[in-house]
mmCIF file of all heavy atoms, coordinates in Angstrom:
data_MODEL
# 
_entry.id   MODEL 
# 
loop_
_atom_site.group_PDB 
_atom_site.id 
_atom_site.type_symbol 
_atom_site.label_atom_id 
_atom_site.label_alt_id 
_atom_site.label_comp_id 
_atom_site.label_asym_id 
_atom_site.label_entity_id 
_atom_site.label_seq_id 
_atom_site.pdbx_PDB_ins_code 
_atom_site.Cartn_x 
_atom_site.Cartn_y 
_atom_site.Cartn_z 
_atom_site.occupancy 
_atom_site.B_iso_or_equiv 
_atom_site.pdbx_formal_charge 
_atom_site.auth_seq_id 
_atom_site.auth_comp_id 
_atom_site.auth_asym_id 
_atom_site.auth_atom_id 
_atom_site.pdbx_PDB_model_num 
ATOM 1   N N   . MET A 1 1  ? -6.227  5.612  35.476 1.00 0.00 ? 1  MET A N   1 
ATOM 2   C CA  . MET A 1 1  ? -5.544  4.732  36.426 1.00 0.00 ? 1  MET A CA  1 
ATOM 3   C C   . MET A 1 1  ? -5.052  3.440  35.775 1.00 0.00 ? 1  MET A C   1 
ATOM 4   O O   . MET A 1 1  ? -4.057  2.873  36.190 1.00 0.00 ? 1  MET A O   1 
ATOM 5   C CB  . MET A 1 1  ? -6.455  4.386  37.603 1.00 0.00 ? 1  MET A CB  1 
ATOM 6   C CG  . MET A 1 1  ? -6.960  5.593  38.383 1.00 0.00 ? 1  MET A CG  1 
ATOM 7   S SD  . MET A 1 1  ? -5.691  6.706  38.993 1.00 0.00 ? 1  MET A SD  1 
ATOM 8   C CE  . MET A 1 1  ? -4.860  5.671  40.155 1.00 0.00 ? 1  MET A CE  1 
ATOM 9   N N   . GLU A 1 2  ? -5.773  2.938  34.788 1.00 0.00 ? 2  GLU A N   1 
ATOM 10  C CA  . GLU A 1 2  ? -5.430  1.641  34.205 1.00 0.00 ? 2  GLU A CA  1 
ATOM 11  C C   . GLU A 1 2  ? -4.726  1.752  32.865 1.00 0.00 ? 2  GLU A C   1 
ATOM 12  O O   . GLU A 1 2  ? -4.675  0.775  32.111 1.00 0.00 ? 2  GLU A O   1 
ATOM 13  C CB  . GLU A 1 2  ? -6.692  0.773  34.097 1.00 0.00 ? 2  GLU A CB  1 
ATOM 14  C CG  . GLU A 1 2  ? -7.243  0.401  35.460 1.00 0.00 ? 2  GLU A CG  1 
ATOM 15  C CD  . GLU A 1 2  ? -8.440  -0.524 35.411 1.00 0.00 ? 2  GLU A CD  1 
ATOM 16  O OE1 . GLU A 1 2  ? -9.010  -0.740 34.324 1.00 0.00 ? 2  GLU A OE1 1 
ATOM 17  O OE2 . GLU A 1 2  ? -8.800  -1.044 36.483 1.00 0.00 ? 2  GLU A OE2 1 
ATOM 18  N N   . GLN A 1 3  ? -4.143  2.918  32.582 1.00 0.00 ? 3  GLN A N   1 
ATOM 19  C CA  . GLN A 1 3  ? -3.412  3.048  31.322 1.00 0.00 ? 3  GLN A CA  1 
ATOM 20  C C   . GLN A 1 3  ? -2.172  2.153  31.345 1.00 0.00 ? 3  GLN A C   1 
ATOM 21  O O   . GLN A 1 3  ? -1.727  1.732  32.401 1.00 0.00 ? 3  GLN A O   1 
ATOM 22  C CB  . GLN A 1 3  ? -3.045  4.506  31.070 1.00 0.00 ? 3  GLN A CB  1 
ATOM 23  C CG  . GLN A 1 3  ? -2.055  5.074  32.053 1.00 0.00 ? 3  GLN A CG  1 
ATOM 24  C CD  . GLN A 1 3  ? -1.824  6.548  31.802 1.00 0.00 ? 3  GLN A CD  1 
ATOM 25  O OE1 . GLN A 1 3  ? -2.386  7.144  30.907 1.00 0.00 ? 3  GLN A OE1 1 
ATOM 26  N NE2 . GLN A 1 3  ? -0.989  7.150  32.613 1.00 0.00 ? 3  GLN A NE2 1 
ATOM 27  N N   . LYS A 1 4  ? -1.623  1.883  30.192 1.00 0.00 ? 4  LYS A N   1 
ATOM 28  C CA  . LYS A 1 4  ? -0.461  1.000  30.096 1.00 0.00 ? 4  LYS A CA  1 
ATOM 29  C C   . LYS A 1 4  ? 0.836   1.768  30.332 1.00 0.00 ? 4  LYS A C   1 
ATOM 30  O O   . LYS A 1 4  ? 0.967   2.915  29.930 1.00 0.00 ? 4  LYS A O   1 
ATOM 31  C CB  . LYS A 1 4  ? -0.421  0.325  28.731 1.00 0.00 ? 4  LYS A CB  1 
ATOM 32  C CG  . LYS A 1 4  ? -1.577  -0.629 28.563 1.00 0.00 ? 4  LYS A CG  1 
ATOM 33  C CD  . LYS A 1 4  ? -1.528  -1.367 27.265 1.00 0.00 ? 4  LYS A CD  1 
ATOM 34  C CE  . LYS A 1 4  ? -2.801  -2.170 27.205 1.00 0.00 ? 4  LYS A CE  1 
ATOM 35  N NZ  . LYS A 1 4  ? -2.792  -3.303 26.456 1.00 0.00 ? 4  LYS A NZ  1 
ATOM 36  N N   . TYR A 1 5  ? 1.761   1.100  30.993 1.00 0.00 ? 5  TYR A N   1 
ATOM 37  C CA  . TYR A 1 5  ? 3.086   1.647  31.270 1.00 0.00 ? 5  TYR A CA  1 
ATOM 38  C C   . TYR A 1 5  ? 4.119   0.647  30.787 1.00 0.00 ? 5  TYR A C   1 
ATOM 39  O O   . TYR A 1 5  ? 3.898   -0.563 30.840 1.00 0.00 ? 5  TYR A O   1 
ATOM 40  C CB  . TYR A 1 5  ? 3.279   1.876  32.776 1.00 0.00 ? 5  TYR A CB  1 
ATOM 41  C CG  . TYR A 1 5  ? 2.377   2.934  33.331 1.00 0.00 ? 5  TYR A CG  1 
ATOM 42  C CD1 . TYR A 1 5  ? 1.119   2.618  33.819 1.00 0.00 ? 5  TYR A CD1 1 
ATOM 43  C CD2 . TYR A 1 5  ? 2.776   4.262  33.334 1.00 0.00 ? 5  TYR A CD2 1 
ATOM 44  C CE1 . TYR A 1 5  ? 0.285   3.600  34.312 1.00 0.00 ? 5  TYR A CE1 1 
ATOM 45  C CE2 . TYR A 1 5  ? 1.936   5.249  33.833 1.00 0.00 ? 5  TYR A CE2 1 
ATOM 46  C CZ  . TYR A 1 5  ? 0.696   4.907  34.320 1.00 0.00 ? 5  TYR A CZ  1 
ATOM 47  O OH  . TYR A 1 5  ? -0.127  5.878  34.805 1.00 0.00 ? 5  TYR A OH  1 
ATOM 48  N N   . THR A 1 6  ? 5.260   1.148  30.333 1.00 0.00 ? 6  THR A N   1 
ATOM 49  C CA  . THR A 1 6  ? 6.356   0.275  29.935 1.00 0.00 ? 6  THR A CA  1 
ATOM 50  C C   . THR A 1 6  ? 7.388   0.272  31.056 1.00 0.00 ? 6  THR A C   1 
ATOM 51  O O   . THR A 1 6  ? 7.910   1.312  31.445 1.00 0.00 ? 6  THR A O   1 
ATOM 52  C CB  . THR A 1 6  ? 6.999   0.756  28.623 1.00 0.00 ? 6  THR A CB  1 
ATOM 53  O OG1 . THR A 1 6  ? 5.988   0.783  27.615 1.00 0.00 ? 6  THR A OG1 1 
ATOM 54  C CG2 . THR A 1 6  ? 8.121   -0.179 28.196 1.00 0.00 ? 6  THR A CG2 1 
ATOM 55  N N   . ILE A 1 7  ? 7.625   -0.915 31.586 1.00 0.00 ? 7  ILE A N   1 
ATOM 56  C CA  . ILE A 1 7  ? 8.566   -1.091 32.692 1.00 0.00 ? 7  ILE A CA  1 
ATOM 57  C C   . ILE A 1 7  ? 9.578   -2.139 32.266 1.00 0.00 ? 7  ILE A C   1 
ATOM 58  O O   . ILE A 1 7  ? 9.216   -3.267 31.943 1.00 0.00 ? 7  ILE A O   1 
ATOM 59  C CB  . ILE A 1 7  ? 7.835   -1.537 33.973 1.00 0.00 ? 7  ILE A CB  1 
ATOM 60  C CG1 . ILE A 1 7  ? 6.793   -0.487 34.365 1.00 0.00 ? 7  ILE A CG1 1 
ATOM 61  C CG2 . ILE A 1 7  ? 8.834   -1.775 35.103 1.00 0.00 ? 7  ILE A CG2 1 
ATOM 62  C CD1 . ILE A 1 7  ? 5.862   -0.925 35.461 1.00 0.00 ? 7  ILE A CD1 1 
ATOM 63  N N   . ASN A 1 8  ? 10.843  -1.742 32.231 1.00 0.00 ? 8  ASN A N   1 
ATOM 64  C CA  . ASN A 1 8  ? 11.918  -2.638 31.788 1.00 0.00 ? 8  ASN A CA  1 
ATOM 65  C C   . ASN A 1 8  ? 11.609  -3.254 30.427 1.00 0.00 ? 8  ASN A C   1 
ATOM 66  O O   . ASN A 1 8  ? 11.836  -4.438 30.196 1.00 0.00 ? 8  ASN A O   1 
ATOM 67  C CB  . ASN A 1 8  ? 12.167  -3.737 32.822 1.00 0.00 ? 8  ASN A CB  1 
ATOM 68  C CG  . ASN A 1 8  ? 12.748  -3.192 34.101 1.00 0.00 ? 8  ASN A CG  1 
ATOM 69  O OD1 . ASN A 1 8  ? 13.434  -2.181 34.098 1.00 0.00 ? 8  ASN A OD1 1 
ATOM 70  N ND2 . ASN A 1 8  ? 12.463  -3.848 35.206 1.00 0.00 ? 8  ASN A ND2 1 
ATOM 71  N N   . GLY A 1 9  ? 11.060  -2.449 29.530 1.00 0.00 ? 9  GLY A N   1 
ATOM 72  C CA  . GLY A 1 9  ? 10.780  -2.893 28.172 1.00 0.00 ? 9  GLY A CA  1 
ATOM 73  C C   . GLY A 1 9  ? 9.525   -3.738 28.025 1.00 0.00 ? 9  GLY A C   1 
ATOM 74  O O   . GLY A 1 9  ? 9.225   -4.218 26.941 1.00 0.00 ? 9  GLY A O   1 
ATOM 75  N N   . ILE A 1 10 ? 8.778   -3.925 29.104 1.00 0.00 ? 10 ILE A N   1 
ATOM 76  C CA  . ILE A 1 10 ? 7.558   -4.733 29.057 1.00 0.00 ? 10 ILE A CA  1 
ATOM 77  C C   . ILE A 1 10 ? 6.361   -3.831 29.331 1.00 0.00 ? 10 ILE A C   1 
ATOM 78  O O   . ILE A 1 10 ? 6.336   -3.100 30.308 1.00 0.00 ? 10 ILE A O   1 
ATOM 79  C CB  . ILE A 1 10 ? 7.611   -5.873 30.109 1.00 0.00 ? 10 ILE A CB  1 
ATOM 80  C CG1 . ILE A 1 10 ? 8.813   -6.771 29.851 1.00 0.00 ? 10 ILE A CG1 1 
ATOM 81  C CG2 . ILE A 1 10 ? 6.317   -6.683 30.087 1.00 0.00 ? 10 ILE A CG2 1 
ATOM 82  C CD1 . ILE A 1 10 ? 9.095   -7.754 30.971 1.00 0.00 ? 10 ILE A CD1 1 
ATOM 83  N N   . GLU A 1 11 ? 5.369   -3.901 28.448 1.00 0.00 ? 11 GLU A N   1 
ATOM 84  C CA  . GLU A 1 11 ? 4.174   -3.089 28.622 1.00 0.00 ? 11 GLU A CA  1 
ATOM 85  C C   . GLU A 1 11 ? 3.250   -3.754 29.636 1.00 0.00 ? 11 GLU A C   1 
ATOM 86  O O   . GLU A 1 11 ? 2.958   -4.942 29.537 1.00 0.00 ? 11 GLU A O   1 
ATOM 87  C CB  . GLU A 1 11 ? 3.451   -2.924 27.285 1.00 0.00 ? 11 GLU A CB  1 
ATOM 88  C CG  . GLU A 1 11 ? 2.402   -1.848 27.311 1.00 0.00 ? 11 GLU A CG  1 
ATOM 89  C CD  . GLU A 1 11 ? 1.830   -1.572 25.946 1.00 0.00 ? 11 GLU A CD  1 
ATOM 90  O OE1 . GLU A 1 11 ? 0.980   -2.366 25.501 1.00 0.00 ? 11 GLU A OE1 1 
ATOM 91  O OE2 . GLU A 1 11 ? 2.241   -0.571 25.328 1.00 0.00 ? 11 GLU A OE2 1 
ATOM 92  N N   . ARG A 1 12 ? 2.828   -2.980 30.627 1.00 0.00 ? 12 ARG A N   1 
ATOM 93  C CA  . ARG A 1 12 ? 1.980   -3.498 31.699 1.00 0.00 ? 12 ARG A CA  1 
ATOM 94  C C   . ARG A 1 12 ? 0.826   -2.529 31.960 1.00 0.00 ? 12 ARG A C   1 
ATOM 95  O O   . ARG A 1 12 ? 0.968   -1.331 31.770 1.00 0.00 ? 12 ARG A O   1 
ATOM 96  C CB  . ARG A 1 12 ? 2.766   -3.602 33.010 1.00 0.00 ? 12 ARG A CB  1 
ATOM 97  C CG  . ARG A 1 12 ? 3.983   -4.431 32.938 1.00 0.00 ? 12 ARG A CG  1 
ATOM 98  C CD  . ARG A 1 12 ? 3.733   -5.727 33.643 1.00 0.00 ? 12 ARG A CD  1 
ATOM 99  N NE  . ARG A 1 12 ? 5.010   -6.419 33.781 1.00 0.00 ? 12 ARG A NE  1 
ATOM 100 C CZ  . ARG A 1 12 ? 5.174   -7.658 33.465 1.00 0.00 ? 12 ARG A CZ  1 
ATOM 101 N NH1 . ARG A 1 12 ? 4.176   -8.359 33.021 1.00 0.00 ? 12 ARG A NH1 1 
ATOM 102 N NH2 . ARG A 1 12 ? 6.335   -8.238 33.611 1.00 0.00 ? 12 ARG A NH2 1 
ATOM 103 N N   . SER A 1 13 ? -0.277  -3.079 32.405 1.00 0.00 ? 13 SER A N   1 
ATOM 104 C CA  . SER A 1 13 ? -1.353  -2.247 32.939 1.00 0.00 ? 13 SER A CA  1 
ATOM 105 C C   . SER A 1 13 ? -1.695  -2.812 34.309 1.00 0.00 ? 13 SER A C   1 
ATOM 106 O O   . SER A 1 13 ? -1.457  -3.989 34.588 1.00 0.00 ? 13 SER A O   1 
ATOM 107 C CB  . SER A 1 13 ? -2.570  -2.249 32.016 1.00 0.00 ? 13 SER A CB  1 
ATOM 108 O OG  . SER A 1 13 ? -3.114  -3.541 31.925 1.00 0.00 ? 13 SER A OG  1 
ATOM 109 N N   . PHE A 1 14 ? -2.214  -1.966 35.161 1.00 0.00 ? 14 PHE A N   1 
ATOM 110 C CA  . PHE A 1 14 ? -2.503  -2.358 36.524 1.00 0.00 ? 14 PHE A CA  1 
ATOM 111 C C   . PHE A 1 14 ? -3.977  -2.132 36.805 1.00 0.00 ? 14 PHE A C   1 
ATOM 112 O O   . PHE A 1 14 ? -4.473  -1.014 36.639 1.00 0.00 ? 14 PHE A O   1 
ATOM 113 C CB  . PHE A 1 14 ? -1.639  -1.548 37.496 1.00 0.00 ? 14 PHE A CB  1 
ATOM 114 C CG  . PHE A 1 14 ? -0.174  -1.753 37.274 1.00 0.00 ? 14 PHE A CG  1 
ATOM 115 C CD1 . PHE A 1 14 ? 0.535   -0.917 36.431 1.00 0.00 ? 14 PHE A CD1 1 
ATOM 116 C CD2 . PHE A 1 14 ? 0.488   -2.800 37.875 1.00 0.00 ? 14 PHE A CD2 1 
ATOM 117 C CE1 . PHE A 1 14 ? 1.891   -1.116 36.194 1.00 0.00 ? 14 PHE A CE1 1 
ATOM 118 C CE2 . PHE A 1 14 ? 1.837   -3.014 37.645 1.00 0.00 ? 14 PHE A CE2 1 
ATOM 119 C CZ  . PHE A 1 14 ? 2.540   -2.172 36.808 1.00 0.00 ? 14 PHE A CZ  1 
ATOM 120 N N   . PRO A 1 15 ? -4.683  -3.162 37.229 1.00 0.00 ? 15 PRO A N   1 
ATOM 121 C CA  . PRO A 1 15 ? -6.110  -2.982 37.521 1.00 0.00 ? 15 PRO A CA  1 
ATOM 122 C C   . PRO A 1 15 ? -6.302  -2.102 38.750 1.00 0.00 ? 15 PRO A C   1 
ATOM 123 O O   . PRO A 1 15 ? -5.472  -2.086 39.656 1.00 0.00 ? 15 PRO A O   1 
ATOM 124 C CB  . PRO A 1 15 ? -6.602  -4.412 37.784 1.00 0.00 ? 15 PRO A CB  1 
ATOM 125 C CG  . PRO A 1 15 ? -5.386  -5.169 38.213 1.00 0.00 ? 15 PRO A CG  1 
ATOM 126 C CD  . PRO A 1 15 ? -4.228  -4.525 37.495 1.00 0.00 ? 15 PRO A CD  1 
ATOM 127 N N   . ALA A 1 16 ? -7.381  -1.369 38.762 1.00 0.00 ? 16 ALA A N   1 
ATOM 128 C CA  . ALA A 1 16 ? -7.709  -0.510 39.904 1.00 0.00 ? 16 ALA A CA  1 
ATOM 129 C C   . ALA A 1 16 ? -9.131  -0.840 40.349 1.00 0.00 ? 16 ALA A C   1 
ATOM 130 O O   . ALA A 1 16 ? -9.959  -1.281 39.554 1.00 0.00 ? 16 ALA A O   1 
ATOM 131 C CB  . ALA A 1 16 ? -7.595  0.956  39.508 1.00 0.00 ? 16 ALA A CB  1 
ATOM 132 N N   . GLU A 1 17 ? -9.385  -0.650 41.616 1.00 0.00 ? 17 GLU A N   1 
ATOM 133 C CA  . GLU A 1 17 ? -10.709 -0.887 42.179 1.00 0.00 ? 17 GLU A CA  1 
ATOM 134 C C   . GLU A 1 17 ? -11.379 0.462  42.397 1.00 0.00 ? 17 GLU A C   1 
ATOM 135 O O   . GLU A 1 17 ? -10.750 1.402  42.877 1.00 0.00 ? 17 GLU A O   1 
ATOM 136 C CB  . GLU A 1 17 ? -10.561 -1.614 43.513 1.00 0.00 ? 17 GLU A CB  1 
ATOM 137 C CG  . GLU A 1 17 ? -11.866 -1.930 44.183 1.00 0.00 ? 17 GLU A CG  1 
ATOM 138 C CD  . GLU A 1 17 ? -11.657 -2.645 45.504 1.00 0.00 ? 17 GLU A CD  1 
ATOM 139 O OE1 . GLU A 1 17 ? -10.750 -3.482 45.604 1.00 0.00 ? 17 GLU A OE1 1 
ATOM 140 O OE2 . GLU A 1 17 ? -12.401 -2.321 46.441 1.00 0.00 ? 17 GLU A OE2 1 
ATOM 141 N N   . PHE A 1 18 ? -12.664 0.549  42.051 1.00 0.00 ? 18 PHE A N   1 
ATOM 142 C CA  . PHE A 1 18 ? -13.397 1.798  42.168 1.00 0.00 ? 18 PHE A CA  1 
ATOM 143 C C   . PHE A 1 18 ? -14.645 1.591  42.997 1.00 0.00 ? 18 PHE A C   1 
ATOM 144 O O   . PHE A 1 18 ? -15.329 0.583  42.850 1.00 0.00 ? 18 PHE A O   1 
ATOM 145 C CB  . PHE A 1 18 ? -13.787 2.321  40.777 1.00 0.00 ? 18 PHE A CB  1 
ATOM 146 C CG  . PHE A 1 18 ? -12.607 2.554  39.897 1.00 0.00 ? 18 PHE A CG  1 
ATOM 147 C CD1 . PHE A 1 18 ? -12.102 1.553  39.094 1.00 0.00 ? 18 PHE A CD1 1 
ATOM 148 C CD2 . PHE A 1 18 ? -11.987 3.785  39.901 1.00 0.00 ? 18 PHE A CD2 1 
ATOM 149 C CE1 . PHE A 1 18 ? -10.997 1.757  38.306 1.00 0.00 ? 18 PHE A CE1 1 
ATOM 150 C CE2 . PHE A 1 18 ? -10.871 4.002  39.097 1.00 0.00 ? 18 PHE A CE2 1 
ATOM 151 C CZ  . PHE A 1 18 ? -10.378 2.996  38.309 1.00 0.00 ? 18 PHE A CZ  1 
ATOM 152 N N   . LYS A 1 19 ? -14.910 2.540  43.852 1.00 0.00 ? 19 LYS A N   1 
ATOM 153 C CA  . LYS A 1 19 ? -16.125 2.524  44.659 1.00 0.00 ? 19 LYS A CA  1 
ATOM 154 C C   . LYS A 1 19 ? -16.777 3.886  44.542 1.00 0.00 ? 19 LYS A C   1 
ATOM 155 O O   . LYS A 1 19 ? -16.095 4.899  44.449 1.00 0.00 ? 19 LYS A O   1 
ATOM 156 C CB  . LYS A 1 19 ? -15.796 2.249  46.127 1.00 0.00 ? 19 LYS A CB  1 
ATOM 157 C CG  . LYS A 1 19 ? -15.217 0.879  46.373 1.00 0.00 ? 19 LYS A CG  1 
ATOM 158 C CD  . LYS A 1 19 ? -14.930 0.697  47.842 1.00 0.00 ? 19 LYS A CD  1 
ATOM 159 C CE  . LYS A 1 19 ? -14.276 -0.648 48.087 1.00 0.00 ? 19 LYS A CE  1 
ATOM 160 N NZ  . LYS A 1 19 ? -14.016 -0.845 49.511 1.00 0.00 ? 19 LYS A NZ  1 
ATOM 161 N N   . VAL A 1 20 ? -18.092 3.881  44.564 1.00 0.00 ? 20 VAL A N   1 
ATOM 162 C CA  . VAL A 1 20 ? -18.849 5.115  44.533 1.00 0.00 ? 20 VAL A CA  1 
ATOM 163 C C   . VAL A 1 20 ? -19.723 5.126  45.774 1.00 0.00 ? 20 VAL A C   1 
ATOM 164 O O   . VAL A 1 20 ? -20.388 4.143  46.085 1.00 0.00 ? 20 VAL A O   1 
ATOM 165 C CB  . VAL A 1 20 ? -19.719 5.215  43.251 1.00 0.00 ? 20 VAL A CB  1 
ATOM 166 C CG1 . VAL A 1 20 ? -20.586 6.457  43.280 1.00 0.00 ? 20 VAL A CG1 1 
ATOM 167 C CG2 . VAL A 1 20 ? -18.838 5.187  42.011 1.00 0.00 ? 20 VAL A CG2 1 
ATOM 168 N N   . GLY A 1 21 ? -19.696 6.225  46.500 1.00 0.00 ? 21 GLY A N   1 
ATOM 169 C CA  . GLY A 1 21 ? -20.512 6.337  47.702 1.00 0.00 ? 21 GLY A CA  1 
ATOM 170 C C   . GLY A 1 21 ? -20.762 7.780  48.048 1.00 0.00 ? 21 GLY A C   1 
ATOM 171 O O   . GLY A 1 21 ? -20.240 8.695  47.402 1.00 0.00 ? 21 GLY A O   1 
ATOM 172 N N   . THR A 1 22 ? -21.555 7.980  49.088 1.00 0.00 ? 22 THR A N   1 
ATOM 173 C CA  . THR A 1 22 ? -21.882 9.343  49.493 1.00 0.00 ? 22 THR A CA  1 
ATOM 174 C C   . THR A 1 22 ? -20.818 9.943  50.390 1.00 0.00 ? 22 THR A C   1 
ATOM 175 O O   . THR A 1 22 ? -20.759 11.165 50.548 1.00 0.00 ? 22 THR A O   1 
ATOM 176 C CB  . THR A 1 22 ? -23.243 9.399  50.208 1.00 0.00 ? 22 THR A CB  1 
ATOM 177 O OG1 . THR A 1 22 ? -23.208 8.503  51.318 1.00 0.00 ? 22 THR A OG1 1 
ATOM 178 C CG2 . THR A 1 22 ? -24.366 9.007  49.262 1.00 0.00 ? 22 THR A CG2 1 
ATOM 179 N N   . ASN A 1 23 ? -19.975 9.086  50.995 1.00 0.00 ? 23 ASN A N   1 
ATOM 180 C CA  . ASN A 1 23 ? -18.871 9.577  51.810 1.00 0.00 ? 23 ASN A CA  1 
ATOM 181 C C   . ASN A 1 23 ? -17.811 8.490  51.923 1.00 0.00 ? 23 ASN A C   1 
ATOM 182 O O   . ASN A 1 23 ? -18.064 7.319  51.640 1.00 0.00 ? 23 ASN A O   1 
ATOM 183 C CB  . ASN A 1 23 ? -19.340 10.047 53.195 1.00 0.00 ? 23 ASN A CB  1 
ATOM 184 C CG  . ASN A 1 23 ? -19.993 8.938  53.981 1.00 0.00 ? 23 ASN A CG  1 
ATOM 185 O OD1 . ASN A 1 23 ? -19.381 7.916  54.267 1.00 0.00 ? 23 ASN A OD1 1 
ATOM 186 N ND2 . ASN A 1 23 ? -21.251 9.136  54.338 1.00 0.00 ? 23 ASN A ND2 1 
ATOM 187 N N   . TRP A 1 24 ? -16.631 8.879  52.338 1.00 0.00 ? 24 TRP A N   1 
ATOM 188 C CA  . TRP A 1 24 ? -15.501 7.959  52.407 1.00 0.00 ? 24 TRP A CA  1 
ATOM 189 C C   . TRP A 1 24 ? -15.743 6.871  53.444 1.00 0.00 ? 24 TRP A C   1 
ATOM 190 O O   . TRP A 1 24 ? -15.433 5.710  53.250 1.00 0.00 ? 24 TRP A O   1 
ATOM 191 C CB  . TRP A 1 24 ? -14.224 8.734  52.704 1.00 0.00 ? 24 TRP A CB  1 
ATOM 192 C CG  . TRP A 1 24 ? -12.957 8.000  52.401 1.00 0.00 ? 24 TRP A CG  1 
ATOM 193 C CD1 . TRP A 1 24 ? -12.823 6.727  51.913 1.00 0.00 ? 24 TRP A CD1 1 
ATOM 194 C CD2 . TRP A 1 24 ? -11.641 8.493  52.545 1.00 0.00 ? 24 TRP A CD2 1 
ATOM 195 N NE1 . TRP A 1 24 ? -11.509 6.422  51.749 1.00 0.00 ? 24 TRP A NE1 1 
ATOM 196 C CE2 . TRP A 1 24 ? -10.751 7.490  52.139 1.00 0.00 ? 24 TRP A CE2 1 
ATOM 197 C CE3 . TRP A 1 24 ? -11.115 9.696  52.986 1.00 0.00 ? 24 TRP A CE3 1 
ATOM 198 C CZ2 . TRP A 1 24 ? -9.383  7.641  52.169 1.00 0.00 ? 24 TRP A CZ2 1 
ATOM 199 C CZ3 . TRP A 1 24 ? -9.742  9.833  52.999 1.00 0.00 ? 24 TRP A CZ3 1 
ATOM 200 C CH2 . TRP A 1 24 ? -8.891  8.824  52.598 1.00 0.00 ? 24 TRP A CH2 1 
ATOM 201 N N   . TYR A 1 25 ? -16.317 7.235  54.563 1.00 0.00 ? 25 TYR A N   1 
ATOM 202 C CA  . TYR A 1 25 ? -16.582 6.270  55.624 1.00 0.00 ? 25 TYR A CA  1 
ATOM 203 C C   . TYR A 1 25 ? -17.471 5.142  55.118 1.00 0.00 ? 25 TYR A C   1 
ATOM 204 O O   . TYR A 1 25 ? -17.224 3.972  55.396 1.00 0.00 ? 25 TYR A O   1 
ATOM 205 C CB  . TYR A 1 25 ? -17.231 6.967  56.832 1.00 0.00 ? 25 TYR A CB  1 
ATOM 206 C CG  . TYR A 1 25 ? -17.484 6.027  57.976 1.00 0.00 ? 25 TYR A CG  1 
ATOM 207 C CD1 . TYR A 1 25 ? -16.427 5.570  58.769 1.00 0.00 ? 25 TYR A CD1 1 
ATOM 208 C CD2 . TYR A 1 25 ? -18.764 5.574  58.261 1.00 0.00 ? 25 TYR A CD2 1 
ATOM 209 C CE1 . TYR A 1 25 ? -16.647 4.699  59.808 1.00 0.00 ? 25 TYR A CE1 1 
ATOM 210 C CE2 . TYR A 1 25 ? -18.992 4.701  59.302 1.00 0.00 ? 25 TYR A CE2 1 
ATOM 211 C CZ  . TYR A 1 25 ? -17.935 4.267  60.076 1.00 0.00 ? 25 TYR A CZ  1 
ATOM 212 O OH  . TYR A 1 25 ? -18.153 3.393  61.096 1.00 0.00 ? 25 TYR A OH  1 
# 
């Protein structure tokens, strides 16, 4: 999810939020 991408010649990475639980609710 946080790999780098080149957008309009500029390298960017985007932070992602992760949660671990027993169910989605």
